[in-house]
Amino acid sequence: MMDSGMYGTYGSVWGLFLNIVLILIIVWVSVTLLNRSSLVGSGNNERLARVEKDVEDIKQMVADIKEKLDEI
């Protein structure tokens, strides 16, 4: 009756190690599935392209404004 507490997974170093390994596997599978999701992959590339285009447009606008200020 005294040894009944040793049957849990935290009763030994191996049980703790097993729990840590299981948690790491679950986290790894979750991250892998999220990265392979078509919503994340395609949307991110399209957003990046739009941001790059917007940055170029803003750079051009700033250059135009600078030229106009230099003329004044």
N, C-alpha and C. Protein backbone atom coordinates (compact mmCIF):
# COMPACT_ATOMS: atom_id res chain seq x y z
N MET A 1 0.81 -1.18 0.00
CA MET A 1 0.00 0.00 0.00
C MET A 1 0.87 1.26 0.00
N MET A 2 2.05 1.19 0.59
CA MET A 2 2.92 2.35 0.65
C MET A 2 3.53 2.69 -0.71
N ASP A 3 3.72 1.73 -1.59
CA ASP A 3 4.36 1.96 -2.88
C ASP A 3 3.38 2.33 -3.99
N SER A 4 2.15 2.59 -3.69
CA SER A 4 1.16 2.85 -4.74
C SER A 4 1.41 4.18 -5.44
N GLY A 5 2.15 5.10 -4.85
CA GLY A 5 2.44 6.37 -5.48
C GLY A 5 3.50 6.29 -6.56
N MET A 6 4.19 5.20 -6.65
CA MET A 6 5.27 5.06 -7.61
C MET A 6 4.81 4.61 -8.99
N TYR A 7 3.51 4.44 -9.17
CA TYR A 7 3.03 3.96 -10.46
C TYR A 7 2.73 5.10 -11.44
N GLY A 8 2.81 6.34 -11.01
CA GLY A 8 2.57 7.47 -11.90
C GLY A 8 3.77 7.72 -12.79
N THR A 9 3.60 8.59 -13.76
CA THR A 9 4.70 8.88 -14.68
C THR A 9 5.75 9.76 -14.05
N TYR A 10 5.44 10.45 -12.96
CA TYR A 10 6.43 11.27 -12.28
C TYR A 10 7.16 10.51 -11.17
N GLY A 11 6.93 9.22 -11.06
CA GLY A 11 7.55 8.43 -10.01
C GLY A 11 9.01 8.15 -10.25
N SER A 12 9.48 8.37 -11.47
CA SER A 12 10.88 8.10 -11.76
C SER A 12 11.39 9.13 -12.76
N VAL A 13 12.68 9.09 -12.97
CA VAL A 13 13.29 9.99 -13.94
C VAL A 13 12.81 9.66 -15.34
N TRP A 14 12.63 8.36 -15.60
CA TRP A 14 12.18 7.95 -16.95
C TRP A 14 10.77 8.43 -17.23
N GLY A 15 9.92 8.44 -16.23
CA GLY A 15 8.56 8.93 -16.41
C GLY A 15 8.54 10.42 -16.72
N LEU A 16 9.36 11.18 -16.02
CA LEU A 16 9.46 12.61 -16.29
C LEU A 16 10.03 12.85 -17.68
N PHE A 17 11.06 12.10 -18.04
CA PHE A 17 11.66 12.20 -19.36
C PHE A 17 10.64 11.88 -20.45
N LEU A 18 9.82 10.85 -20.23
CA LEU A 18 8.79 10.47 -21.19
C LEU A 18 7.77 11.59 -21.36
N ASN A 19 7.36 12.22 -20.27
CA ASN A 19 6.41 13.33 -20.37
C ASN A 19 7.00 14.51 -21.14
N ILE A 20 8.25 14.83 -20.90
CA ILE A 20 8.89 15.92 -21.61
C ILE A 20 8.98 15.61 -23.10
N VAL A 21 9.35 14.40 -23.44
CA VAL A 21 9.45 13.99 -24.84
C VAL A 21 8.08 14.07 -25.51
N LEU A 22 7.03 13.63 -24.85
CA LEU A 22 5.69 13.69 -25.43
C LEU A 22 5.25 15.13 -25.66
N ILE A 23 5.54 16.02 -24.73
CA ILE A 23 5.19 17.43 -24.90
C ILE A 23 5.95 18.03 -26.08
N LEU A 24 7.23 17.72 -26.20
CA LEU A 24 8.02 18.23 -27.32
C LEU A 24 7.50 17.72 -28.66
N ILE A 25 7.10 16.46 -28.71
CA ILE A 25 6.55 15.90 -29.95
C ILE A 25 5.25 16.60 -30.33
N ILE A 26 4.38 16.83 -29.36
CA ILE A 26 3.11 17.50 -29.63
C ILE A 26 3.35 18.92 -30.13
N VAL A 27 4.27 19.65 -29.51
CA VAL A 27 4.58 21.01 -29.95
C VAL A 27 5.16 21.00 -31.35
N TRP A 28 6.07 20.06 -31.63
CA TRP A 28 6.69 19.97 -32.94
C TRP A 28 5.66 19.69 -34.03
N VAL A 29 4.74 18.75 -33.77
CA VAL A 29 3.70 18.42 -34.75
C VAL A 29 2.80 19.63 -34.97
N SER A 30 2.44 20.34 -33.94
CA SER A 30 1.58 21.52 -34.07
C SER A 30 2.26 22.60 -34.92
N VAL A 31 3.51 22.88 -34.64
CA VAL A 31 4.22 23.90 -35.40
C VAL A 31 4.37 23.48 -36.85
N THR A 32 4.66 22.23 -37.09
CA THR A 32 4.80 21.73 -38.45
C THR A 32 3.50 21.86 -39.22
N LEU A 33 2.40 21.50 -38.61
CA LEU A 33 1.12 21.61 -39.28
C LEU A 33 0.75 23.07 -39.55
N LEU A 34 1.06 23.96 -38.64
CA LEU A 34 0.77 25.38 -38.86
C LEU A 34 1.62 25.95 -39.98
N ASN A 35 2.87 25.54 -40.07
CA ASN A 35 3.74 26.04 -41.13
C ASN A 35 3.34 25.51 -42.50
N ARG A 36 2.80 24.33 -42.56
CA ARG A 36 2.39 23.75 -43.84
C ARG A 36 1.01 24.22 -44.28
N SER A 37 0.33 24.92 -43.43
CA SER A 37 -1.02 25.40 -43.75
C SER A 37 -0.96 26.31 -44.96
N SER A 38 -1.89 26.14 -45.88
CA SER A 38 -1.91 26.95 -47.09
C SER A 38 -2.29 28.39 -46.79
N LEU A 39 -3.04 28.62 -45.73
CA LEU A 39 -3.43 29.98 -45.38
C LEU A 39 -2.23 30.80 -44.94
N VAL A 40 -1.34 30.21 -44.19
CA VAL A 40 -0.18 30.94 -43.70
C VAL A 40 0.82 31.16 -44.82
N GLY A 41 1.10 30.15 -45.60
CA GLY A 41 2.12 30.25 -46.63
C GLY A 41 1.79 31.20 -47.75
N SER A 42 0.64 31.05 -48.38
CA SER A 42 0.30 31.88 -49.53
C SER A 42 -0.01 33.31 -49.12
N GLY A 43 -0.69 33.49 -48.02
CA GLY A 43 -1.03 34.83 -47.56
C GLY A 43 0.19 35.63 -47.18
N ASN A 44 1.16 34.97 -46.61
CA ASN A 44 2.37 35.66 -46.17
C ASN A 44 3.16 36.17 -47.38
N ASN A 45 3.27 35.37 -48.44
CA ASN A 45 4.00 35.79 -49.63
C ASN A 45 3.31 36.95 -50.32
N GLU A 46 1.99 36.90 -50.40
CA GLU A 46 1.25 37.98 -51.05
C GLU A 46 1.38 39.27 -50.24
N ARG A 47 1.28 39.17 -48.93
CA ARG A 47 1.44 40.35 -48.09
C ARG A 47 2.83 40.94 -48.23
N LEU A 48 3.83 40.08 -48.27
CA LEU A 48 5.20 40.55 -48.40
C LEU A 48 5.39 41.29 -49.72
N ALA A 49 4.82 40.79 -50.79
CA ALA A 49 4.92 41.45 -52.10
C ALA A 49 4.24 42.81 -52.06
N ARG A 50 3.06 42.88 -51.42
CA ARG A 50 2.36 44.17 -51.32
C ARG A 50 3.14 45.17 -50.49
N VAL A 51 3.72 44.71 -49.40
CA VAL A 51 4.50 45.61 -48.54
C VAL A 51 5.72 46.12 -49.29
N GLU A 52 6.39 45.25 -50.02
CA GLU A 52 7.56 45.68 -50.79
C GLU A 52 7.17 46.73 -51.83
N LYS A 53 6.04 46.53 -52.50
CA LYS A 53 5.56 47.49 -53.49
C LYS A 53 5.22 48.81 -52.81
N ASP A 54 4.56 48.75 -51.67
CA ASP A 54 4.22 49.97 -50.94
C ASP A 54 5.47 50.72 -50.49
N VAL A 55 6.49 50.00 -50.06
CA VAL A 55 7.73 50.64 -49.64
C VAL A 55 8.39 51.35 -50.81
N GLU A 56 8.40 50.72 -51.96
CA GLU A 56 8.97 51.37 -53.15
C GLU A 56 8.18 52.61 -53.53
N ASP A 57 6.85 52.53 -53.45
CA ASP A 57 6.02 53.71 -53.75
C ASP A 57 6.29 54.84 -52.77
N ILE A 58 6.43 54.52 -51.51
CA ILE A 58 6.71 55.54 -50.49
C ILE A 58 8.08 56.16 -50.72
N LYS A 59 9.07 55.34 -51.07
CA LYS A 59 10.40 55.88 -51.37
C LYS A 59 10.34 56.86 -52.53
N GLN A 60 9.56 56.51 -53.56
CA GLN A 60 9.43 57.40 -54.71
C GLN A 60 8.73 58.69 -54.33
N MET A 61 7.70 58.61 -53.50
CA MET A 61 6.99 59.80 -53.06
C MET A 61 7.91 60.70 -52.24
N VAL A 62 8.70 60.11 -51.36
CA VAL A 62 9.62 60.90 -50.54
C VAL A 62 10.66 61.58 -51.42
N ALA A 63 11.16 60.88 -52.43
CA ALA A 63 12.14 61.48 -53.35
C ALA A 63 11.51 62.64 -54.11
N ASP A 64 10.26 62.49 -54.54
CA ASP A 64 9.57 63.57 -55.25
C ASP A 64 9.37 64.78 -54.35
N ILE A 65 8.96 64.55 -53.11
CA ILE A 65 8.76 65.65 -52.17
C ILE A 65 10.07 66.35 -51.87
N LYS A 66 11.14 65.58 -51.75
CA LYS A 66 12.45 66.17 -51.49
C LYS A 66 12.88 67.06 -52.65
N GLU A 67 12.65 66.61 -53.88
CA GLU A 67 12.98 67.42 -55.06
C GLU A 67 12.20 68.71 -55.06
N LYS A 68 10.91 68.65 -54.76
CA LYS A 68 10.07 69.85 -54.72
C LYS A 68 10.53 70.80 -53.64
N LEU A 69 10.93 70.28 -52.47
CA LEU A 69 11.41 71.14 -51.40
C LEU A 69 12.75 71.79 -51.77
N ASP A 70 13.59 71.06 -52.51
CA ASP A 70 14.86 71.62 -52.94
C ASP A 70 14.63 72.75 -53.94
N GLU A 71 13.61 72.64 -54.76
CA GLU A 71 13.30 73.70 -55.74
C GLU A 71 12.82 74.96 -55.03
N ILE A 72 12.11 74.78 -53.94
CA ILE A 72 11.58 75.94 -53.20
C ILE A 72 12.73 76.58 -52.46
